[in-house]
């Protein structure tokens, strides 16, 4: 299938093409597109109660049209904010309420009259201090974003910065705040009590990860001065391209979803995104959409984002590659790498965006595709049954802090320089223990690095070096996630998807904590509890997991890189393990 000039999408499927053409024909015979647009929940599940939940989660199908009708509301609000003299925006959320704004922050520049945007979606105390230091608090508009109005992290961020603004502006502090939430949530009550400048009530029938084209995404984009009208228009064009009367063979979203779902059923369940740096942040949004929507009932699509392109020889036969690029800003090295993968027989999807405003089209296309893949895999693409587990564990640990003044802490299995290792079966050294751990890997497994570290250029370079070492030596897919963002993104896949992951949790000491108003602990303790709670949840689901703690980040980064390098030099028989039995 060649690049379509209208939708900018090419499906190079090799030996899988005849099967896909047949399946697309079957979808038309089943009236799949018609049923999708008419909210036939039977496409995903037969249980009546589940079907009701699904029908109440499909509002994203029509949200572009609704937002087009509310563009005047957005622009009037932007003018109000400009007239009030604000010079910066801080968007505070987690998961679906913050990932689209994060894409905008890292991809688009503010217009001449637009405001710089900073997205806060981490409980890392150093990051919070940096934002407090770098933005003009008195002249900053703070957005508290939470669909449920109860998400712990953005509420804690809101408490912290409301206290800072109140120190400067007293009872007028609420004028620096905006809420984005569903109707009748606790956040609505907080906004009313504190006199927030505005509360945007989002649509009840849109889940967080499907909300990029709603107020959650478009309010911060509009404040940046992004041409949200054009972005919405492009999203509407995509709704027409994917409409109920368009045959599946010509429907870009349906085709893409069918390819992902059917290839996953045939073992190619690692959807590997190859995206050039200028639009690389789109991968983080796609990561949550696919992982949280499909990672359940022991199956799903594992999104692999940020992994540098390698030679075909370093990959297994469990990949589907998706190359997304800008039409007039082509990365020649990436192009040649993708061509080599195609020539080696890997299935490759190529998508060309005209420019960055095509994000509107991509948001909608991938939502359609993810819903379609969910139907192919026979799972409910609109719930997240395992996400709450880590939250519950975290809350229980924080209750211990309230009662005893500190978190419970296990004794390390091994201490080596700046590294402390926590593992059920430790070797003589960190490297030997890692060698034992990696020896459990089977073909088609993946390795997940969960970094509860500050997200800095230094930590990012270190993690990338580690993941490339692992991929190139073990020929396994690698993922990297920063905690606690990953809990609201890929966390559902990690517990509910197939038991094919080896999880390395990476934590570190923090130099200074930042207190949370009204709590006997700070953000650093909160972050520690989140890491510990997630490790509990992974173990409960029988996942293979170990933790490495860095006493000091600067010394610890080269130490952990060296330990991984040495571990990969062990011969398998020296580890005492040759792999895990069964598929889990």
Protein backbone atom coordinates (compact mmCIF):
# COMPACT_ATOMS: atom_id res chain seq x y z
CA UNK A 1 0.00 0.00 0.00
CA UNK A 2 1.57 3.26 -1.13
CA UNK A 3 1.56 6.65 0.53
CA UNK A 4 -1.90 8.15 0.18
CA UNK A 5 -1.68 11.81 -0.80
CA UNK A 6 -4.89 12.56 1.08
CA UNK A 7 -4.19 10.96 4.44
CA UNK A 8 -0.36 10.83 4.22
CA UNK A 9 -0.28 7.19 5.34
CA UNK A 10 1.50 4.21 3.83
CA UNK A 11 1.20 0.61 5.04
CA UNK A 12 4.14 -1.56 3.96
CA UNK A 13 3.06 -4.94 5.25
CA UNK A 14 4.96 -7.44 3.11
CA UNK A 15 3.69 -10.99 3.65
CA UNK A 16 0.85 -9.73 5.85
CA UNK A 17 -0.82 -7.66 3.12
CA UNK A 18 -3.16 -10.33 1.64
CA UNK A 19 -4.45 -11.19 5.10
CA UNK A 20 -5.02 -7.51 5.91
CA UNK A 21 -6.92 -6.89 2.67
CA UNK A 22 -9.18 -9.83 3.49
CA UNK A 23 -9.77 -8.61 7.05
CA UNK A 24 -10.59 -5.09 5.83
CA UNK A 25 -13.22 -6.60 3.58
CA UNK A 26 -14.60 -8.52 6.53
CA UNK A 27 -14.90 -5.30 8.54
CA UNK A 28 -17.05 -3.79 5.81
CA UNK A 29 -19.23 -6.90 5.72
CA UNK A 30 -19.67 -6.54 9.48
CA UNK A 31 -20.50 -2.80 9.09
CA UNK A 32 -17.74 -2.05 11.58
CA UNK A 33 -17.36 1.65 10.73
CA UNK A 34 -21.11 2.24 10.91
CA UNK A 35 -21.36 0.46 14.26
CA UNK A 36 -18.38 2.36 15.68
CA UNK A 37 -19.87 5.75 14.89
CA UNK A 38 -23.25 4.66 16.21
CA UNK A 39 -21.64 3.63 19.50
CA UNK A 40 -22.37 -0.08 19.22
CA UNK A 41 -20.54 -1.27 22.33
CA UNK A 42 -20.92 -4.87 21.17
CA UNK A 43 -17.85 -4.28 19.00
CA UNK A 44 -15.80 -4.66 22.17
CA UNK A 45 -17.75 -6.63 24.77
CA UNK A 46 -20.98 -8.61 25.20
CA UNK A 47 -21.60 -7.89 28.90
CA UNK A 48 -24.47 -5.33 29.20
CA UNK A 49 -22.89 -3.49 32.15
CA UNK A 50 -19.57 -3.17 30.34
CA UNK A 51 -21.38 -2.03 27.20
CA UNK A 52 -23.04 0.79 29.13
CA UNK A 53 -19.62 1.97 30.36
CA UNK A 54 -18.28 1.84 26.81
CA UNK A 55 -21.19 3.82 25.35
CA UNK A 56 -20.54 6.49 27.97
CA UNK A 57 -16.88 6.70 26.88
CA UNK A 58 -17.27 7.48 23.16
CA UNK A 59 -17.81 11.24 23.29
CA UNK A 60 -14.39 11.78 21.69
CA UNK A 61 -15.91 10.75 18.34
CA UNK A 62 -17.71 14.10 18.16
CA UNK A 63 -15.55 16.33 20.35
CA UNK A 64 -13.89 18.23 17.47
CA UNK A 65 -17.28 19.51 16.35
CA UNK A 66 -18.22 20.48 19.90
CA UNK A 67 -14.94 22.34 20.38
CA UNK A 68 -15.40 24.16 17.08
CA UNK A 69 -18.64 25.50 18.53
CA UNK A 70 -16.75 26.67 21.65
CA UNK A 71 -13.76 28.33 19.99
CA UNK A 72 -15.19 31.76 20.84
CA UNK A 73 -15.18 30.76 24.52
CA UNK A 74 -11.50 29.82 24.29
CA UNK A 75 -10.49 33.00 22.48
CA UNK A 76 -12.47 35.20 24.86
CA UNK A 77 -10.68 33.54 27.78
CA UNK A 78 -7.28 34.06 26.15
CA UNK A 79 -8.03 37.77 25.74
CA UNK A 80 -9.07 37.96 29.40
CA UNK A 81 -5.82 36.34 30.53
CA UNK A 82 -3.74 38.63 28.33
CA UNK A 83 -5.56 41.70 29.63
CA UNK A 84 -4.93 40.56 33.23
CA UNK A 85 -1.19 40.75 32.61
CA UNK A 86 -0.20 37.10 32.99
CA UNK A 87 3.16 36.20 31.48
CA UNK A 88 3.35 32.42 31.98
CA UNK A 89 1.15 29.31 32.26
CA UNK A 90 1.82 26.24 34.40
CA UNK A 91 -0.41 23.27 33.56
CA UNK A 92 -0.64 20.76 36.42
CA UNK A 93 -2.05 17.31 35.70
CA UNK A 94 -1.25 13.64 35.27
CA UNK A 95 -1.77 11.16 32.45
CA UNK A 96 -4.58 12.06 30.09
CA UNK A 97 -5.01 15.52 31.57
CA UNK A 98 -1.38 16.51 30.94
CA UNK A 99 0.10 14.52 28.04
CA UNK A 100 -1.47 16.52 25.19
CA UNK A 101 -0.35 19.79 26.85
CA UNK A 102 3.12 18.22 27.23
CA UNK A 103 3.15 17.55 23.48
CA UNK A 104 2.24 21.19 22.85
CA UNK A 105 4.88 22.48 25.28
CA UNK A 106 7.68 20.44 23.69
CA UNK A 107 6.58 20.73 20.06
CA UNK A 108 5.17 24.22 19.52
CA UNK A 109 6.50 27.67 20.28
CA UNK A 110 4.29 30.36 21.80
CA UNK A 111 3.08 32.94 19.30
CA UNK A 112 4.06 36.60 19.62
CA UNK A 113 1.20 37.25 22.04
CA UNK A 114 1.02 33.71 23.41
CA UNK A 115 2.24 32.72 26.86
CA UNK A 116 5.07 30.26 27.55
CA UNK A 117 3.72 26.95 28.86
CA UNK A 118 5.27 24.70 31.51
CA UNK A 119 3.69 21.32 32.22
CA UNK A 120 4.11 19.87 35.71
CA UNK A 121 3.35 16.14 35.87
CA UNK A 122 5.90 14.84 38.34
CA UNK A 123 6.16 14.72 42.12
CA UNK A 124 9.93 15.12 41.89
CA UNK A 125 10.82 17.84 44.44
CA UNK A 126 13.77 19.19 42.44
CA UNK A 127 11.53 19.74 39.43
CA UNK A 128 8.91 21.53 41.51
CA UNK A 129 11.58 23.78 43.03
CA UNK A 130 12.97 24.53 39.55
CA UNK A 131 9.54 25.58 38.27
CA UNK A 132 8.96 27.71 41.37
CA UNK A 133 12.32 29.39 40.76
CA UNK A 134 11.95 29.85 36.99
CA UNK A 135 8.40 31.17 36.61
CA UNK A 136 7.10 34.54 37.85
CA UNK A 137 4.71 33.17 40.47
CA UNK A 138 2.66 36.35 40.88
CA UNK A 139 2.08 36.66 37.12
CA UNK A 140 1.62 32.96 36.34
CA UNK A 141 -1.70 31.32 35.53
CA UNK A 142 -1.89 27.86 37.11
CA UNK A 143 -4.16 25.24 35.56
CA UNK A 144 -5.28 22.36 37.79
CA UNK A 145 -6.44 19.57 35.48
CA UNK A 146 -8.16 16.36 36.58
CA UNK A 147 -11.09 14.56 34.96
CA UNK A 148 -12.23 13.01 38.23
CA UNK A 149 -11.28 16.04 40.29
CA UNK A 150 -9.63 13.69 42.78
CA UNK A 151 -6.28 12.88 41.16
CA UNK A 152 -3.77 13.17 43.98
CA UNK A 153 -0.84 14.72 42.12
CA UNK A 154 -2.49 17.76 40.48
CA UNK A 155 -4.44 18.48 43.67
CA UNK A 156 -1.15 18.48 45.62
CA UNK A 157 0.46 20.72 42.99
CA UNK A 158 -2.52 23.06 43.27
CA UNK A 159 -2.25 23.20 47.05
CA UNK A 160 1.45 23.98 46.89
CA UNK A 161 1.28 26.77 44.35
CA UNK A 162 -1.93 28.24 45.76
CA UNK A 163 -0.06 28.64 49.04
CA UNK A 164 2.82 30.36 47.21
CA UNK A 165 0.50 32.75 45.37
CA UNK A 166 -1.49 33.45 48.53
CA UNK A 167 1.70 34.61 50.24
CA UNK A 168 1.90 37.34 47.58
CA UNK A 169 -1.74 38.13 46.79
CA UNK A 170 -3.71 37.05 49.85
CA UNK A 171 -7.37 36.19 49.25
CA UNK A 172 -7.06 37.21 45.60
CA UNK A 173 -4.83 34.18 44.92
CA UNK A 174 -7.68 32.30 43.24
CA UNK A 175 -7.50 34.71 40.31
CA UNK A 176 -4.27 32.98 39.28
CA UNK A 177 -5.97 29.58 38.98
CA UNK A 178 -8.05 27.71 36.44
CA UNK A 179 -9.64 24.27 36.78
CA UNK A 180 -10.34 21.79 33.99
CA UNK A 181 -12.48 18.89 35.18
CA UNK A 182 -15.78 17.06 34.68
CA UNK A 183 -19.02 18.53 36.08
CA UNK A 184 -19.75 18.13 39.79
CA UNK A 185 -16.33 16.88 40.83
CA UNK A 186 -14.60 17.84 44.11
CA UNK A 187 -12.28 20.10 42.08
CA UNK A 188 -15.30 22.18 41.01
CA UNK A 189 -16.05 22.80 44.69
CA UNK A 190 -12.43 23.76 45.42
CA UNK A 191 -12.46 26.19 42.48
CA UNK A 192 -15.67 27.82 43.69
CA UNK A 193 -14.44 28.09 47.28
CA UNK A 194 -11.14 29.68 46.28
CA UNK A 195 -12.51 31.92 43.58
CA UNK A 196 -10.67 30.45 40.60
CA UNK A 197 -10.65 32.67 37.52
CA UNK A 198 -12.42 30.03 35.44
CA UNK A 199 -13.58 26.41 35.60
CA UNK A 200 -13.83 24.60 32.29
CA UNK A 201 -16.26 21.70 32.53
CA UNK A 202 -15.24 18.97 30.14
CA UNK A 203 -17.53 16.37 28.60
CA UNK A 204 -18.40 13.44 30.88
CA UNK A 205 -18.29 10.88 28.08
CA UNK A 206 -14.61 11.35 27.23
CA UNK A 207 -11.90 9.42 29.07
CA UNK A 208 -8.66 11.16 29.93
CA UNK A 209 -6.48 9.56 27.25
CA UNK A 210 -9.05 10.43 24.56
CA UNK A 211 -9.30 14.07 25.65
CA UNK A 212 -6.54 15.78 23.62
CA UNK A 213 -9.05 17.67 21.45
CA UNK A 214 -11.21 18.72 24.41
CA UNK A 215 -10.65 21.50 26.94
CA UNK A 216 -7.84 19.47 28.54
CA UNK A 217 -5.68 19.91 25.46
CA UNK A 218 -7.02 23.03 23.80
CA UNK A 219 -7.10 25.45 26.76
CA UNK A 220 -3.31 25.38 27.30
CA UNK A 221 -2.75 25.32 23.51
CA UNK A 222 -4.90 28.43 23.06
CA UNK A 223 -3.05 30.23 25.85
CA UNK A 224 0.21 29.52 23.99
CA UNK A 225 -1.26 31.26 20.98
CA UNK A 226 -1.52 28.07 18.95
CA UNK A 227 -3.97 28.28 16.03
CA UNK A 228 -6.44 25.93 17.72
CA UNK A 229 -9.12 26.77 15.14
CA UNK A 230 -6.93 25.34 12.39
CA UNK A 231 -6.02 22.35 14.57
CA UNK A 232 -9.72 21.64 15.15
CA UNK A 233 -10.46 22.03 11.43
CA UNK A 234 -7.80 19.43 10.64
CA UNK A 235 -9.25 17.12 13.26
CA UNK A 236 -12.66 17.56 11.59
CA UNK A 237 -11.13 16.66 8.24
CA UNK A 238 -9.87 13.48 9.85
CA UNK A 239 -13.31 12.69 11.23
CA UNK A 240 -14.61 12.88 7.66
CA UNK A 241 -11.75 10.69 6.41
CA UNK A 242 -12.65 8.12 9.07
CA UNK A 243 -16.43 8.55 8.84
CA UNK A 244 -18.98 5.76 9.02
CA UNK A 245 -19.62 5.75 5.26
CA UNK A 246 -15.92 5.43 4.31
CA UNK A 247 -15.01 1.81 3.42
CA UNK A 248 -12.42 0.25 5.71
CA UNK A 249 -9.90 -0.05 2.87
CA UNK A 250 -9.99 3.75 2.45
CA UNK A 251 -10.39 4.65 6.13
CA UNK A 252 -6.99 5.65 7.59
CA UNK A 253 -7.89 5.19 11.25
CA UNK A 254 -9.68 1.87 10.77
CA UNK A 255 -6.87 0.50 8.57
CA UNK A 256 -4.23 1.51 11.10
CA UNK A 257 -6.12 -0.05 14.00
CA UNK A 258 -6.76 -3.27 12.12
CA UNK A 259 -3.06 -3.58 11.26
CA UNK A 260 -2.03 -3.08 14.90
CA UNK A 261 -4.59 -5.50 16.26
CA UNK A 262 -4.09 -8.27 13.71
CA UNK A 263 -0.30 -8.11 13.84
CA UNK A 264 -0.45 -8.24 17.65
CA UNK A 265 -2.51 -11.43 17.34
CA UNK A 266 0.35 -12.81 15.25
CA UNK A 267 3.08 -11.92 17.75
CA UNK A 268 4.04 -8.45 16.51
CA UNK A 269 2.69 -6.64 19.55
CA UNK A 270 5.56 -4.14 20.05
CA UNK A 271 4.39 -0.97 18.25
CA UNK A 272 7.69 0.84 17.83
CA UNK A 273 7.41 4.56 17.09
CA UNK A 274 10.21 6.20 15.14
CA UNK A 275 9.62 9.94 15.38
CA UNK A 276 12.12 12.75 14.71
CA UNK A 277 13.09 15.00 17.58
CA UNK A 278 10.98 18.10 16.61
CA UNK A 279 7.77 16.11 17.10
CA UNK A 280 9.16 13.39 19.37
CA UNK A 281 6.89 14.33 22.29
CA UNK A 282 3.94 12.95 20.33
CA UNK A 283 5.29 9.53 21.29
CA UNK A 284 4.48 10.13 24.96
CA UNK A 285 0.84 10.81 24.15
CA UNK A 286 0.66 7.76 21.87
CA UNK A 287 2.30 5.67 24.57
CA UNK A 288 -0.50 6.27 27.05
CA UNK A 289 -3.26 5.93 24.46
CA UNK A 290 -2.13 2.49 23.30
CA UNK A 291 -0.85 1.05 26.58
CA UNK A 292 -3.75 2.08 28.81
CA UNK A 293 -6.38 1.26 26.20
CA UNK A 294 -5.18 -2.19 25.16
CA UNK A 295 -3.03 -3.59 28.01
CA UNK A 296 -5.50 -5.83 29.79
CA UNK A 297 -6.76 -9.40 30.00
CA UNK A 298 -3.22 -10.65 29.39
CA UNK A 299 -2.84 -9.07 25.96
CA UNK A 300 -2.34 -5.69 24.34
CA UNK A 301 -0.12 -3.41 22.29
CA UNK A 302 3.17 -2.37 23.88
CA UNK A 303 4.14 1.10 22.61
CA UNK A 304 7.90 1.54 22.32
CA UNK A 305 8.78 5.23 22.13
CA UNK A 306 12.09 7.07 22.16
CA UNK A 307 14.14 3.98 21.31
CA UNK A 308 16.75 5.05 18.71
CA UNK A 309 16.49 3.30 15.35
CA UNK A 310 18.92 0.40 15.05
CA UNK A 311 20.11 -1.99 12.38
CA UNK A 312 17.54 -4.66 11.44
CA UNK A 313 19.71 -7.31 13.10
CA UNK A 314 19.08 -5.96 16.63
CA UNK A 315 15.31 -6.49 16.46
CA UNK A 316 13.24 -9.61 17.00
CA UNK A 317 10.22 -10.56 14.92
CA UNK A 318 7.77 -9.01 17.40
CA UNK A 319 7.82 -5.45 16.05
CA UNK A 320 5.49 -3.24 14.04
CA UNK A 321 7.35 -0.02 13.16
CA UNK A 322 5.50 3.29 12.85
CA UNK A 323 7.46 6.14 11.29
CA UNK A 324 5.88 9.59 11.73
CA UNK A 325 7.59 12.57 10.10
CA UNK A 326 7.10 16.16 9.00
CA UNK A 327 6.79 16.56 5.24
CA UNK A 328 9.27 19.44 4.96
CA UNK A 329 11.65 18.50 7.78
CA UNK A 330 12.92 15.02 6.95
CA UNK A 331 15.50 13.30 9.16
CA UNK A 332 17.72 11.57 6.59
CA UNK A 333 19.35 9.21 9.11
CA UNK A 334 15.96 8.12 10.37
CA UNK A 335 14.70 7.72 6.79
CA UNK A 336 17.59 5.41 5.91
CA UNK A 337 17.05 3.39 9.09
CA UNK A 338 13.36 2.94 8.28
CA UNK A 339 14.21 1.93 4.70
CA UNK A 340 16.56 -0.76 6.03
CA UNK A 341 13.81 -2.12 8.29
CA UNK A 342 11.42 -2.23 5.35
CA UNK A 343 13.98 -4.01 3.16
CA UNK A 344 14.55 -6.57 5.94
CA UNK A 345 10.88 -7.53 5.79
CA UNK A 346 9.55 -5.79 8.89
CA UNK A 347 6.04 -4.29 8.60
CA UNK A 348 6.29 -0.49 8.55
CA UNK A 349 3.63 2.20 8.75
CA UNK A 350 4.73 5.60 7.41
CA UNK A 351 2.77 8.76 8.24
CA UNK A 352 3.67 12.19 6.86
CA UNK A 353 2.40 15.25 8.71
CA UNK A 354 2.12 18.46 6.68
CA UNK A 355 3.19 20.53 9.69
CA UNK A 356 2.78 20.58 13.47
CA UNK A 357 -0.87 21.66 13.29
CA UNK A 358 -1.54 18.22 11.83
CA UNK A 359 -1.37 17.07 15.44
CA UNK A 360 -5.14 17.62 15.37
CA UNK A 361 -5.47 14.98 12.64
CA UNK A 362 -3.10 12.58 14.36
CA UNK A 363 -4.87 12.78 17.71
CA UNK A 364 -8.15 11.73 16.13
CA UNK A 365 -6.69 9.12 13.77
CA UNK A 366 -4.89 7.33 16.57
CA UNK A 367 -7.98 7.40 18.78
CA UNK A 368 -9.97 5.68 16.00
CA UNK A 369 -7.10 3.26 15.42
CA UNK A 370 -6.78 2.39 19.11
CA UNK A 371 -10.52 1.78 19.46
CA UNK A 372 -10.37 -0.46 16.38
CA UNK A 373 -7.37 -2.40 17.67
CA UNK A 374 -9.21 -2.94 20.94
CA UNK A 375 -12.14 -4.45 19.07
CA UNK A 376 -9.80 -6.74 17.10
CA UNK A 377 -8.19 -7.88 20.36
CA UNK A 378 -11.64 -8.25 21.97
CA UNK A 379 -10.86 -6.01 24.91
CA UNK A 380 -12.55 -2.92 26.35
CA UNK A 381 -10.41 -0.05 25.07
CA UNK A 382 -12.07 2.47 27.42
CA UNK A 383 -11.34 1.29 30.95
CA UNK A 384 -8.18 0.97 33.06
CA UNK A 385 -8.91 -1.73 35.66
CA UNK A 386 -5.39 -2.03 37.06
CA UNK A 387 -4.40 1.63 37.38
CA UNK A 388 -5.99 2.02 40.80
CA UNK A 389 -3.86 -0.71 42.39
CA UNK A 390 -0.66 1.33 42.60
CA UNK A 391 -2.67 4.33 43.85
CA UNK A 392 -4.18 2.25 46.63
CA UNK A 393 -0.76 0.95 47.63
CA UNK A 394 0.61 4.50 47.65
CA UNK A 395 -2.25 5.75 49.83
CA UNK A 396 -1.72 2.91 52.30
CA UNK A 397 1.99 3.72 52.54
CA UNK A 398 1.25 7.41 53.08
CA UNK A 399 -1.08 6.45 55.93
CA UNK A 400 1.94 4.76 57.51
CA UNK A 401 3.82 8.05 57.19
CA UNK A 402 0.95 9.92 58.84
CA UNK A 403 0.93 7.41 61.71
CA UNK A 404 4.64 6.70 62.14
CA UNK A 405 6.38 9.68 60.57
CA UNK A 406 8.29 7.71 57.94
CA UNK A 407 7.92 5.21 55.15
CA UNK A 408 8.69 1.55 55.82
CA UNK A 409 11.93 0.57 54.10
CA UNK A 410 13.28 -2.85 53.22
CA UNK A 411 16.90 -3.70 53.82
CA UNK A 412 18.91 -3.72 50.58
CA UNK A 413 19.95 -7.12 49.27
CA UNK A 414 23.31 -5.69 48.26
CA UNK A 415 25.24 -2.40 48.55
CA UNK A 416 27.97 -1.54 46.07
CA UNK A 417 29.43 1.98 45.93
CA UNK A 418 26.61 4.45 45.26
CA UNK A 419 24.19 1.60 44.39
CA UNK A 420 21.77 -0.23 46.65
CA UNK A 421 20.08 -3.24 45.10
CA UNK A 422 16.74 -4.68 46.18
CA UNK A 423 16.12 -8.13 44.71
CA UNK A 424 14.74 -11.39 45.95
CA UNK A 425 17.78 -13.37 44.81
CA UNK A 426 20.94 -11.25 44.81
CA UNK A 427 24.29 -12.39 43.47
CA UNK A 428 27.71 -11.38 44.75
CA UNK A 429 27.66 -8.09 42.83
CA UNK A 430 25.12 -5.80 41.20
CA UNK A 431 26.33 -6.90 37.77
CA UNK A 432 25.97 -10.58 38.60
CA UNK A 433 22.46 -10.00 39.94
CA UNK A 434 21.52 -8.12 36.78
CA UNK A 435 22.96 -10.96 34.69
CA UNK A 436 20.74 -13.43 36.59
CA UNK A 437 17.79 -11.12 36.06
CA UNK A 438 18.30 -10.64 32.31
CA UNK A 439 18.91 -14.37 31.83
CA UNK A 440 15.21 -14.89 32.55
CA UNK A 441 14.32 -13.15 29.30
CA UNK A 442 12.52 -15.15 26.62
CA UNK A 443 12.09 -14.24 22.95
CA UNK A 444 9.41 -11.52 22.57
CA UNK A 445 9.85 -10.28 26.15
CA UNK A 446 10.61 -6.61 26.82
CA UNK A 447 12.67 -4.69 29.37
CA UNK A 448 11.10 -1.69 31.11
CA UNK A 449 13.22 0.91 32.88
CA UNK A 450 11.14 2.80 35.46
CA UNK A 451 13.12 5.87 36.47
CA UNK A 452 11.89 7.72 39.55
CA UNK A 453 14.55 10.33 38.81
CA UNK A 454 14.40 13.98 37.76
CA UNK A 455 13.82 14.18 34.01
CA UNK A 456 16.98 16.01 32.91
CA UNK A 457 19.25 15.84 29.84
CA UNK A 458 21.78 13.96 31.99
CA UNK A 459 19.36 11.25 33.15
CA UNK A 460 17.85 10.97 29.67
CA UNK A 461 21.24 10.37 28.03
CA UNK A 462 22.08 7.74 30.64
CA UNK A 463 18.79 5.90 30.19
CA UNK A 464 19.15 5.94 26.42
CA UNK A 465 22.63 4.45 26.62
CA UNK A 466 21.36 1.71 28.94
CA UNK A 467 18.37 0.83 26.77
CA UNK A 468 20.46 0.62 23.60
CA UNK A 469 22.91 -1.69 25.37
CA UNK A 470 20.04 -3.93 26.42
CA UNK A 471 18.32 -3.95 23.04
CA UNK A 472 21.44 -4.55 20.99
CA UNK A 473 22.71 -7.36 23.24
CA UNK A 474 19.44 -9.09 24.13
CA UNK A 475 17.43 -8.24 20.99
CA UNK A 476 14.47 -7.27 23.13
CA UNK A 477 12.23 -4.21 23.01
CA UNK A 478 13.03 -1.62 25.66
CA UNK A 479 10.83 1.03 27.23
CA UNK A 480 11.75 3.98 29.43
CA UNK A 481 9.28 5.73 31.69
CA UNK A 482 9.66 8.42 34.33
CA UNK A 483 7.76 7.92 37.56
CA UNK A 484 5.14 8.83 38.51
CA UNK A 485 4.07 9.73 34.94
CA UNK A 486 4.36 6.09 33.89
CA UNK A 487 1.78 5.05 36.51
CA UNK A 488 -0.84 7.03 34.58
CA UNK A 489 0.50 5.99 31.18
CA UNK A 490 1.96 2.52 30.67
CA UNK A 491 1.12 1.26 34.15
CA UNK A 492 -2.08 -0.42 32.98
CA UNK A 493 -0.18 -2.50 30.39
CA UNK A 494 2.48 -3.47 32.90
CA UNK A 495 -0.05 -5.12 35.23
CA UNK A 496 -2.89 -6.04 32.88
CA UNK A 497 -1.04 -6.88 29.69
CA UNK A 498 0.93 -10.03 28.92
CA UNK A 499 3.46 -11.17 31.52
CA UNK A 500 6.40 -10.56 29.21
CA UNK A 501 8.19 -7.72 30.96
CA UNK A 502 11.37 -7.52 33.00
CA UNK A 503 11.10 -4.41 35.17
CA UNK A 504 14.05 -2.45 36.53
CA UNK A 505 12.92 0.25 38.95
CA UNK A 506 15.43 3.06 39.43
CA UNK A 507 15.18 5.38 42.43
CA UNK A 508 17.50 7.98 43.94
CA UNK A 509 17.98 10.12 47.01
CA UNK A 510 16.69 13.66 46.81
CA UNK A 511 18.67 16.52 48.29
CA UNK A 512 15.74 18.59 49.56
CA UNK A 513 12.07 17.77 50.00
CA UNK A 514 9.25 20.17 49.20
CA UNK A 515 6.39 20.18 51.75
CA UNK A 516 2.80 19.55 50.66
CA UNK A 517 0.44 21.94 52.49
CA UNK A 518 -1.79 20.11 54.93
CA UNK A 519 0.28 16.90 54.88
CA UNK A 520 3.01 15.65 57.25
CA UNK A 521 5.20 14.70 54.26
CA UNK A 522 6.62 16.31 51.16
CA UNK A 523 6.66 15.54 47.44
CA UNK A 524 9.84 13.47 47.83
CA UNK A 525 8.17 11.09 50.27
CA UNK A 526 5.08 11.04 48.01
CA UNK A 527 7.29 10.00 45.09
CA UNK A 528 9.00 7.29 47.15
CA UNK A 529 5.61 5.91 48.18
CA UNK A 530 4.51 5.85 44.54
CA UNK A 531 7.59 3.85 43.54
CA UNK A 532 7.12 1.41 46.41
CA UNK A 533 3.41 1.05 45.71
CA UNK A 534 4.00 0.29 42.06
CA UNK A 535 6.63 -2.32 42.88
CA UNK A 536 4.10 -4.03 45.17
CA UNK A 537 1.52 -4.05 42.37
CA UNK A 538 3.99 -5.50 39.85
CA UNK A 539 4.98 -8.28 42.23
CA UNK A 540 1.34 -9.04 42.99
CA UNK A 541 0.82 -9.72 39.29
CA UNK A 542 3.81 -12.04 39.14
CA UNK A 543 6.05 -9.63 37.24
CA UNK A 544 9.84 -9.97 37.33
CA UNK A 545 11.10 -6.81 39.03
CA UNK A 546 14.11 -5.49 40.90
CA UNK A 547 15.05 -2.07 42.22
CA UNK A 548 18.33 -0.17 42.14
CA UNK A 549 18.65 2.88 44.37
CA UNK A 550 21.26 5.60 43.79
CA UNK A 551 22.63 7.28 46.90
CA UNK A 552 23.74 10.18 44.73
CA UNK A 553 22.59 10.73 41.16
CA UNK A 554 25.79 12.15 39.64
CA UNK A 555 27.97 9.29 40.94
CA UNK A 556 25.26 6.69 40.51
CA UNK A 557 24.54 7.16 36.79
CA UNK A 558 27.94 5.95 35.50
CA UNK A 559 27.94 3.20 38.14
CA UNK A 560 24.64 1.77 36.96
CA UNK A 561 25.64 2.03 33.30
CA UNK A 562 28.82 0.14 34.10
CA UNK A 563 26.91 -2.52 36.01
CA UNK A 564 24.59 -3.14 33.06
CA UNK A 565 27.51 -3.31 30.63
CA UNK A 566 29.31 -5.87 32.82
CA UNK A 567 26.11 -7.88 33.32
CA UNK A 568 25.72 -8.28 29.58
CA UNK A 569 29.23 -9.75 29.36
CA UNK A 570 28.33 -12.71 31.63
CA UNK A 571 27.89 -16.06 29.94
CA UNK A 572 24.31 -17.38 30.47
CA UNK A 573 25.49 -20.55 32.23
CA UNK A 574 27.41 -18.44 34.76
CA UNK A 575 24.20 -16.88 36.05
CA UNK A 576 22.61 -20.12 37.17
CA UNK A 577 19.46 -19.23 35.19
CA UNK A 578 18.62 -19.92 31.56
CA UNK A 579 15.16 -18.38 31.31
CA UNK A 580 11.63 -18.42 32.69
CA UNK A 581 9.27 -21.29 32.15
CA UNK A 582 5.92 -20.69 30.48
CA UNK A 583 4.43 -17.51 29.13
CA UNK A 584 2.99 -16.15 32.37
